[in-house]
């Protein structure tokens, strides 16, 4: 058989499945930020370019918030399960 079915442990975060917990934490953090995002893409008219929200305006700040939130999710998960991640 060329393709075989195997079982694997996956982690769900942000509505998707991942093979690592770190990726799931980052996806959950990204999804949480996206719920508070107020970006406006604009329309097809040239005089309406759209607006960028405070989260996406500065990419360094966005990455800092994302990493901090993912770390908090990891710590909450460690406290809830009692095991070190």
PDB file of N, CA and C in Angstrom:
ATOM      1  N   UNK A   1       0.846  -1.173   0.000  1.00  0.00           N
ATOM      2  CA  UNK A   1       0.000   0.000   0.000  1.00  0.00           C
ATOM      3  C   UNK A   1       0.897   1.245   0.000  1.00  0.00           C
ATOM      4  N   UNK A   2       0.633   2.183  -0.859  1.00  0.00           N
ATOM      5  CA  UNK A   2       1.432   3.390  -0.979  1.00  0.00           C
ATOM      6  C   UNK A   2       1.137   4.362   0.154  1.00  0.00           C
ATOM      7  N   UNK A   3      -0.124   4.553   0.464  1.00  0.00           N
ATOM      8  CA  UNK A   3      -0.531   5.463   1.540  1.00  0.00           C
ATOM      9  C   UNK A   3      -1.125   4.628   2.651  1.00  0.00           C
ATOM     10  N   UNK A   4      -0.630   4.836   3.842  1.00  0.00           N
ATOM     11  CA  UNK A   4      -1.164   4.078   4.962  1.00  0.00           C
ATOM     12  C   UNK A   4      -1.744   5.024   6.007  1.00  0.00           C
ATOM     13  N   UNK A   5      -2.682   4.545   6.757  1.00  0.00           N
ATOM     14  CA  UNK A   5      -3.333   5.314   7.808  1.00  0.00           C
ATOM     15  C   UNK A   5      -2.648   5.002   9.133  1.00  0.00           C
ATOM     16  N   UNK A   6      -2.258   6.073   9.849  1.00  0.00           N
ATOM     17  CA  UNK A   6      -1.647   5.893  11.159  1.00  0.00           C
ATOM     18  C   UNK A   6      -2.340   6.827  12.141  1.00  0.00           C
ATOM     19  N   UNK A   7      -2.214   6.522  13.408  1.00  0.00           N
ATOM     20  CA  UNK A   7      -2.762   7.379  14.442  1.00  0.00           C
ATOM     21  C   UNK A   7      -1.655   8.283  14.961  1.00  0.00           C
ATOM     22  N   UNK A   8      -2.010   9.517  15.218  1.00  0.00           N
ATOM     23  CA  UNK A   8      -1.040  10.472  15.734  1.00  0.00           C
ATOM     24  C   UNK A   8      -1.726  11.371  16.749  1.00  0.00           C
ATOM     25  N   UNK A   9      -0.951  11.856  17.690  1.00  0.00           N
ATOM     26  CA  UNK A   9      -1.458  12.819  18.660  1.00  0.00           C
ATOM     27  C   UNK A   9      -1.423  14.197  18.026  1.00  0.00           C
ATOM     28  N   UNK A  10      -2.559  14.861  18.034  1.00  0.00           N
ATOM     29  CA  UNK A  10      -2.629  16.217  17.496  1.00  0.00           C
ATOM     30  C   UNK A  10      -3.181  17.135  18.578  1.00  0.00           C
ATOM     31  N   UNK A  11      -2.858  18.407  18.430  1.00  0.00           N
ATOM     32  CA  UNK A  11      -3.306  19.418  19.378  1.00  0.00           C
ATOM     33  C   UNK A  11      -4.138  20.440  18.628  1.00  0.00           C
ATOM     34  N   UNK A  12      -5.260  20.820  19.217  1.00  0.00           N
ATOM     35  CA  UNK A  12      -6.170  21.742  18.556  1.00  0.00           C
ATOM     36  C   UNK A  12      -6.063  23.114  19.202  1.00  0.00           C
ATOM     37  N   UNK A  13      -5.913  24.126  18.362  1.00  0.00           N
ATOM     38  CA  UNK A  13      -5.835  25.490  18.857  1.00  0.00           C
ATOM     39  C   UNK A  13      -6.218  26.459  17.762  1.00  0.00           C
ATOM     40  N   UNK A  14      -7.092  27.378  18.074  1.00  0.00           N
ATOM     41  CA  UNK A  14      -7.503  28.359  17.079  1.00  0.00           C
ATOM     42  C   UNK A  14      -8.340  27.772  15.957  1.00  0.00           C
ATOM     43  N   UNK A  15      -8.976  26.644  16.214  1.00  0.00           N
ATOM     44  CA  UNK A  15      -9.851  26.043  15.212  1.00  0.00           C
ATOM     45  C   UNK A  15      -9.142  25.114  14.238  1.00  0.00           C
ATOM     46  N   UNK A  16      -7.844  24.885  14.418  1.00  0.00           N
ATOM     47  CA  UNK A  16      -7.100  23.987  13.530  1.00  0.00           C
ATOM     48  C   UNK A  16      -6.372  22.941  14.360  1.00  0.00           C
ATOM     49  N   UNK A  17      -5.832  21.925  13.675  1.00  0.00           N
ATOM     50  CA  UNK A  17      -5.081  20.869  14.353  1.00  0.00           C
ATOM     51  C   UNK A  17      -3.599  20.998  14.022  1.00  0.00           C
ATOM     52  N   UNK A  18      -2.757  20.738  15.031  1.00  0.00           N
ATOM     53  CA  UNK A  18      -1.314  20.870  14.879  1.00  0.00           C
ATOM     54  C   UNK A  18      -0.627  19.670  15.507  1.00  0.00           C
ATOM     55  N   UNK A  19       0.582  19.401  15.055  1.00  0.00           N
ATOM     56  CA  UNK A  19       1.363  18.304  15.616  1.00  0.00           C
ATOM     57  C   UNK A  19       2.144  18.715  16.861  1.00  0.00           C
ATOM     58  N   UNK A  20       2.329  19.998  17.095  1.00  0.00           N
ATOM     59  CA  UNK A  20       3.051  20.451  18.284  1.00  0.00           C
ATOM     60  C   UNK A  20       2.162  21.367  19.120  1.00  0.00           C
ATOM     61  N   UNK A  21       2.377  21.342  20.423  1.00  0.00           N
ATOM     62  CA  UNK A  21       1.613  22.206  21.313  1.00  0.00           C
ATOM     63  C   UNK A  21       1.970  23.668  21.086  1.00  0.00           C
ATOM     64  N   UNK A  22       3.234  23.931  20.782  1.00  0.00           N
ATOM     65  CA  UNK A  22       3.672  25.305  20.571  1.00  0.00           C
ATOM     66  C   UNK A  22       2.897  25.945  19.420  1.00  0.00           C
ATOM     67  N   UNK A  23       2.724  25.225  18.339  1.00  0.00           N
ATOM     68  CA  UNK A  23       1.969  25.749  17.193  1.00  0.00           C
ATOM     69  C   UNK A  23       0.506  25.958  17.559  1.00  0.00           C
ATOM     70  N   UNK A  24      -0.048  25.068  18.362  1.00  0.00           N
ATOM     71  CA  UNK A  24      -1.445  25.208  18.781  1.00  0.00           C
ATOM     72  C   UNK A  24      -1.628  26.417  19.686  1.00  0.00           C
ATOM     73  N   UNK A  25      -0.674  26.658  20.591  1.00  0.00           N
ATOM     74  CA  UNK A  25      -0.749  27.835  21.459  1.00  0.00           C
ATOM     75  C   UNK A  25      -0.672  29.120  20.638  1.00  0.00           C
ATOM     76  N   UNK A  26       0.227  29.160  19.664  1.00  0.00           N
ATOM     77  CA  UNK A  26       0.363  30.361  18.831  1.00  0.00           C
ATOM     78  C   UNK A  26      -0.891  30.580  17.977  1.00  0.00           C
ATOM     79  N   UNK A  27      -1.484  29.506  17.493  1.00  0.00           N
ATOM     80  CA  UNK A  27      -2.703  29.642  16.710  1.00  0.00           C
ATOM     81  C   UNK A  27      -3.861  30.144  17.569  1.00  0.00           C
ATOM     82  N   UNK A  28      -3.958  29.653  18.791  1.00  0.00           N
ATOM     83  CA  UNK A  28      -5.005  30.120  19.698  1.00  0.00           C
ATOM     84  C   UNK A  28      -4.803  31.595  20.035  1.00  0.00           C
ATOM     85  N   UNK A  29      -3.557  31.994  20.220  1.00  0.00           N
ATOM     86  CA  UNK A  29      -3.256  33.405  20.505  1.00  0.00           C
ATOM     87  C   UNK A  29      -3.596  34.277  19.299  1.00  0.00           C
ATOM     88  N   UNK A  30      -3.243  33.808  18.110  1.00  0.00           N
ATOM     89  CA  UNK A  30      -3.554  34.552  16.886  1.00  0.00           C
ATOM     90  C   UNK A  30      -5.060  34.697  16.700  1.00  0.00           C
ATOM     91  N   UNK A  31      -5.807  33.640  17.020  1.00  0.00           N
ATOM     92  CA  UNK A  31      -7.267  33.695  16.897  1.00  0.00           C
ATOM     93  C   UNK A  31      -7.864  34.681  17.901  1.00  0.00           C
ATOM     94  N   UNK A  32      -7.300  34.726  19.112  1.00  0.00           N
ATOM     95  CA  UNK A  32      -7.791  35.659  20.129  1.00  0.00           C
ATOM     96  C   UNK A  32      -7.539  37.107  19.711  1.00  0.00           C
ATOM     97  N   UNK A  33      -6.359  37.374  19.161  1.00  0.00           N
ATOM     98  CA  UNK A  33      -6.053  38.722  18.685  1.00  0.00           C
ATOM     99  C   UNK A  33      -6.971  39.092  17.537  1.00  0.00           C
ATOM    100  N   UNK A  34      -7.249  38.133  16.675  1.00  0.00           N
ATOM    101  CA  UNK A  34      -8.102  38.401  15.511  1.00  0.00           C
ATOM    102  C   UNK A  34      -9.520  38.776  15.927  1.00  0.00           C
ATOM    103  N   UNK A  35      -9.995  38.258  17.060  1.00  0.00           N
ATOM    104  CA  UNK A  35     -11.342  38.619  17.518  1.00  0.00           C
ATOM    105  C   UNK A  35     -11.415  40.078  17.930  1.00  0.00           C
ATOM    106  N   UNK A  36     -10.271  40.651  18.367  1.00  0.00           N
ATOM    107  CA  UNK A  36     -10.245  42.057  18.792  1.00  0.00           C
ATOM    108  C   UNK A  36      -9.746  42.981  17.685  1.00  0.00           C
ATOM    109  N   UNK A  37      -9.384  42.433  16.551  1.00  0.00           N
ATOM    110  CA  UNK A  37      -8.845  43.206  15.434  1.00  0.00           C
ATOM    111  C   UNK A  37      -9.956  44.032  14.778  1.00  0.00           C
ATOM    112  N   UNK A  38      -9.631  45.283  14.464  1.00  0.00           N
ATOM    113  CA  UNK A  38     -10.601  46.159  13.811  1.00  0.00           C
ATOM    114  C   UNK A  38     -10.089  46.644  12.459  1.00  0.00           C
ATOM    115  N   UNK A  39      -9.256  45.835  11.817  1.00  0.00           N
ATOM    116  CA  UNK A  39      -8.723  46.210  10.504  1.00  0.00           C
ATOM    117  C   UNK A  39      -9.859  46.292   9.487  1.00  0.00           C
ATOM    118  N   UNK A  40      -9.728  47.224   8.584  1.00  0.00           N
ATOM    119  CA  UNK A  40     -10.694  47.408   7.515  1.00  0.00           C
ATOM    120  C   UNK A  40      -9.935  47.329   6.201  1.00  0.00           C
ATOM    121  N   UNK A  41     -10.270  46.365   5.375  1.00  0.00           N
ATOM    122  CA  UNK A  41      -9.519  46.118   4.145  1.00  0.00           C
ATOM    123  C   UNK A  41      -9.766  47.174   3.080  1.00  0.00           C
ATOM    124  N   UNK A  42     -10.825  47.900   3.204  1.00  0.00           N
ATOM    125  CA  UNK A  42     -11.142  48.891   2.171  1.00  0.00           C
ATOM    126  C   UNK A  42     -12.014  48.275   1.098  1.00  0.00           C
ATOM    127  N   UNK A  43     -12.242  49.031   0.067  1.00  0.00           N
ATOM    128  CA  UNK A  43     -13.053  48.523  -1.033  1.00  0.00           C
ATOM    129  C   UNK A  43     -12.248  48.608  -2.323  1.00  0.00           C
ATOM    130  N   UNK A  44     -12.881  48.314  -3.413  1.00  0.00           N
ATOM    131  CA  UNK A  44     -12.180  48.295  -4.695  1.00  0.00           C
ATOM    132  C   UNK A  44     -11.954  49.691  -5.267  1.00  0.00           C
ATOM    133  N   UNK A  45     -12.515  50.697  -4.634  1.00  0.00           N
ATOM    134  CA  UNK A  45     -12.309  52.063  -5.105  1.00  0.00           C
ATOM    135  C   UNK A  45     -10.903  52.543  -4.735  1.00  0.00           C
ATOM    136  N   UNK A  46     -10.238  53.276  -5.603  1.00  0.00           N
ATOM    137  CA  UNK A  46      -8.866  53.707  -5.310  1.00  0.00           C
ATOM    138  C   UNK A  46      -8.765  54.724  -4.175  1.00  0.00           C
ATOM    139  N   UNK A  47      -9.833  55.428  -3.867  1.00  0.00           N
ATOM    140  CA  UNK A  47      -9.757  56.423  -2.795  1.00  0.00           C
ATOM    141  C   UNK A  47     -10.100  55.841  -1.426  1.00  0.00           C
ATOM    142  N   UNK A  48     -10.274  54.523  -1.330  1.00  0.00           N
ATOM    143  CA  UNK A  48     -10.585  53.870  -0.064  1.00  0.00           C
ATOM    144  C   UNK A  48      -9.552  52.767   0.200  1.00  0.00           C
ATOM    145  N   UNK A  49      -8.353  53.126   0.703  1.00  0.00           N
ATOM    146  CA  UNK A  49      -7.305  52.124   0.882  1.00  0.00           C
ATOM    147  C   UNK A  49      -7.513  51.202   2.088  1.00  0.00           C
ATOM    148  N   UNK A  50      -8.370  51.583   3.015  1.00  0.00           N
ATOM    149  CA  UNK A  50      -8.588  50.771   4.205  1.00  0.00           C
ATOM    150  C   UNK A  50      -7.790  51.295   5.383  1.00  0.00           C
ATOM    151  N   UNK A  51      -7.968  50.657   6.527  1.00  0.00           N
ATOM    152  CA  UNK A  51      -7.290  51.070   7.747  1.00  0.00           C
ATOM    153  C   UNK A  51      -6.688  49.859   8.434  1.00  0.00           C
ATOM    154  N   UNK A  52      -5.609  50.104   9.155  1.00  0.00           N
ATOM    155  CA  UNK A  52      -4.952  49.063   9.931  1.00  0.00           C
ATOM    156  C   UNK A  52      -5.229  49.315  11.405  1.00  0.00           C
ATOM    157  N   UNK A  53      -5.538  48.247  12.132  1.00  0.00           N
ATOM    158  CA  UNK A  53      -5.822  48.396  13.565  1.00  0.00           C
ATOM    159  C   UNK A  53      -4.526  48.567  14.350  1.00  0.00           C
ATOM    160  N   UNK A  54      -4.670  48.825  15.646  1.00  0.00           N
ATOM    161  CA  UNK A  54      -3.507  49.026  16.509  1.00  0.00           C
ATOM    162  C   UNK A  54      -2.652  47.770  16.635  1.00  0.00           C
ATOM    163  N   UNK A  55      -3.274  46.595  16.541  1.00  0.00           N
ATOM    164  CA  UNK A  55      -2.519  45.350  16.678  1.00  0.00           C
ATOM    165  C   UNK A  55      -1.590  45.121  15.486  1.00  0.00           C
ATOM    166  N   UNK A  56      -2.056  45.400  14.294  1.00  0.00           N
ATOM    167  CA  UNK A  56      -1.282  45.108  13.089  1.00  0.00           C
ATOM    168  C   UNK A  56      -0.464  46.290  12.577  1.00  0.00           C
ATOM    169  N   UNK A  57      -0.580  47.434  13.207  1.00  0.00           N
ATOM    170  CA  UNK A  57       0.130  48.613  12.745  1.00  0.00           C
ATOM    171  C   UNK A  57       1.641  48.471  12.957  1.00  0.00           C
ATOM    172  N   UNK A  58       2.034  47.973  14.114  1.00  0.00           N
ATOM    173  CA  UNK A  58       3.450  47.766  14.420  1.00  0.00           C
ATOM    174  C   UNK A  58       3.695  46.265  14.539  1.00  0.00           C
ATOM    175  N   UNK A  59       4.435  45.687  13.581  1.00  0.00           N
ATOM    176  CA  UNK A  59       4.610  44.235  13.548  1.00  0.00           C
ATOM    177  C   UNK A  59       5.425  43.719  14.739  1.00  0.00           C
ATOM    178  N   UNK A  60       6.385  44.503  15.228  1.00  0.00           N
ATOM    179  CA  UNK A  60       7.156  44.070  16.400  1.00  0.00           C
ATOM    180  C   UNK A  60       6.264  43.978  17.630  1.00  0.00           C
ATOM    181  N   UNK A  61       5.374  44.932  17.796  1.00  0.00           N
ATOM    182  CA  UNK A  61       4.439  44.915  18.922  1.00  0.00           C
ATOM    183  C   UNK A  61       3.471  43.740  18.785  1.00  0.00           C
ATOM    184  N   UNK A  62       3.012  43.483  17.564  1.00  0.00           N
ATOM    185  CA  UNK A  62       2.099  42.365  17.315  1.00  0.00           C
ATOM    186  C   UNK A  62       2.760  41.039  17.698  1.00  0.00           C
ATOM    187  N   UNK A  63       4.014  40.857  17.289  1.00  0.00           N
ATOM    188  CA  UNK A  63       4.713  39.610  17.602  1.00  0.00           C
ATOM    189  C   UNK A  63       4.957  39.479  19.108  1.00  0.00           C
ATOM    190  N   UNK A  64       5.222  40.592  19.780  1.00  0.00           N
ATOM    191  CA  UNK A  64       5.408  40.570  21.224  1.00  0.00           C
ATOM    192  C   UNK A  64       4.113  40.166  21.933  1.00  0.00           C
ATOM    193  N   UNK A  65       2.995  40.741  21.501  1.00  0.00           N
ATOM    194  CA  UNK A  65       1.700  40.387  22.092  1.00  0.00           C
ATOM    195  C   UNK A  65       1.377  38.921  21.810  1.00  0.00           C
ATOM    196  N   UNK A  66       1.635  38.479  20.589  1.00  0.00           N
ATOM    197  CA  UNK A  66       1.361  37.096  20.203  1.00  0.00           C
ATOM    198  C   UNK A  66       2.180  36.124  21.042  1.00  0.00           C
ATOM    199  N   UNK A  67       3.463  36.370  21.181  1.00  0.00           N
ATOM    200  CA  UNK A  67       4.323  35.477  21.963  1.00  0.00           C
ATOM    201  C   UNK A  67       3.948  35.498  23.443  1.00  0.00           C
ATOM    202  N   UNK A  68       3.615  36.663  23.962  1.00  0.00           N
ATOM    203  CA  UNK A  68       3.234  36.762  25.372  1.00  0.00           C
ATOM    204  C   UNK A  68       1.931  36.012  25.634  1.00  0.00           C
ATOM    205  N   UNK A  69       0.963  36.159  24.755  1.00  0.00           N
ATOM    206  CA  UNK A  69      -0.316  35.470  24.914  1.00  0.00           C
ATOM    207  C   UNK A  69      -0.155  33.953  24.771  1.00  0.00           C
ATOM    208  N   UNK A  70       0.684  33.514  23.847  1.00  0.00           N
ATOM    209  CA  UNK A  70       0.948  32.079  23.690  1.00  0.00           C
ATOM    210  C   UNK A  70       1.620  31.524  24.944  1.00  0.00           C
ATOM    211  N   UNK A  71       2.527  32.290  25.536  1.00  0.00           N
ATOM    212  CA  UNK A  71       3.186  31.876  26.773  1.00  0.00           C
ATOM    213  C   UNK A  71       2.175  31.760  27.911  1.00  0.00           C
ATOM    214  N   UNK A  72       1.260  32.709  27.989  1.00  0.00           N
ATOM    215  CA  UNK A  72       0.222  32.666  29.027  1.00  0.00           C
ATOM    216  C   UNK A  72      -0.657  31.432  28.843  1.00  0.00           C
ATOM    217  N   UNK A  73      -1.034  31.132  27.609  1.00  0.00           N
ATOM    218  CA  UNK A  73      -1.838  29.930  27.344  1.00  0.00           C
ATOM    219  C   UNK A  73      -1.078  28.670  27.758  1.00  0.00           C
ATOM    220  N   UNK A  74       0.214  28.647  27.500  1.00  0.00           N
ATOM    221  CA  UNK A  74       1.030  27.499  27.888  1.00  0.00           C
ATOM    222  C   UNK A  74       1.058  27.342  29.403  1.00  0.00           C
ATOM    223  N   UNK A  75       1.234  28.453  30.118  1.00  0.00           N
ATOM    224  CA  UNK A  75       1.280  28.403  31.574  1.00  0.00           C
ATOM    225  C   UNK A  75      -0.065  27.965  32.162  1.00  0.00           C
ATOM    226  N   UNK A  76      -1.156  28.456  31.602  1.00  0.00           N
ATOM    227  CA  UNK A  76      -2.486  28.061  32.078  1.00  0.00           C
ATOM    228  C   UNK A  76      -2.687  26.564  31.863  1.00  0.00           C
ATOM    229  N   UNK A  77      -2.231  26.059  30.727  1.00  0.00           N
ATOM    230  CA  UNK A  77      -2.362  24.638  30.430  1.00  0.00           C
ATOM    231  C   UNK A  77      -1.517  23.802  31.394  1.00  0.00           C
ATOM    232  N   UNK A  78      -0.309  24.280  31.714  1.00  0.00           N
ATOM    233  CA  UNK A  78       0.544  23.583  32.673  1.00  0.00           C
ATOM    234  C   UNK A  78      -0.113  23.536  34.054  1.00  0.00           C
ATOM    235  N   UNK A  79      -0.704  24.648  34.468  1.00  0.00           N
ATOM    236  CA  UNK A  79      -1.351  24.690  35.780  1.00  0.00           C
ATOM    237  C   UNK A  79      -2.581  23.800  35.827  1.00  0.00           C
ATOM    238  N   UNK A  80      -3.313  23.731  34.733  1.00  0.00           N
ATOM    239  CA  UNK A  80      -4.545  22.938  34.709  1.00  0.00           C
ATOM    240  C   UNK A  80      -4.257  21.440  34.702  1.00  0.00           C
ATOM    241  N   UNK A  81      -3.229  21.018  33.961  1.00  0.00           N
ATOM    242  CA  UNK A  81      -2.946  19.586  33.848  1.00  0.00           C
ATOM    243  C   UNK A  81      -1.948  19.115  34.885  1.00  0.00           C
ATOM    244  N   UNK A  82      -1.147  20.031  35.444  1.00  0.00           N
ATOM    245  CA  UNK A  82      -0.174  19.649  36.439  1.00  0.00           C
ATOM    246  C   UNK A  82       1.105  19.084  35.867  1.00  0.00           C
ATOM    247  N   UNK A  83       1.257  19.118  34.559  1.00  0.00           N
ATOM    248  CA  UNK A  83       2.484  18.608  33.937  1.00  0.00           C
ATOM    249  C   UNK A  83       3.243  19.719  33.226  1.00  0.00           C
ATOM    250  N   UNK A  84       4.523  19.550  33.137  1.00  0.00           N
ATOM    251  CA  UNK A  84       5.380  20.538  32.478  1.00  0.00           C
ATOM    252  C   UNK A  84       5.310  20.317  30.970  1.00  0.00           C
ATOM    253  N   UNK A  85       5.046  21.403  30.242  1.00  0.00           N
ATOM    254  CA  UNK A  85       4.933  21.307  28.779  1.00  0.00           C
ATOM    255  C   UNK A  85       6.261  21.617  28.155  1.00  0.00           C
TER     256      UNK A  85
END
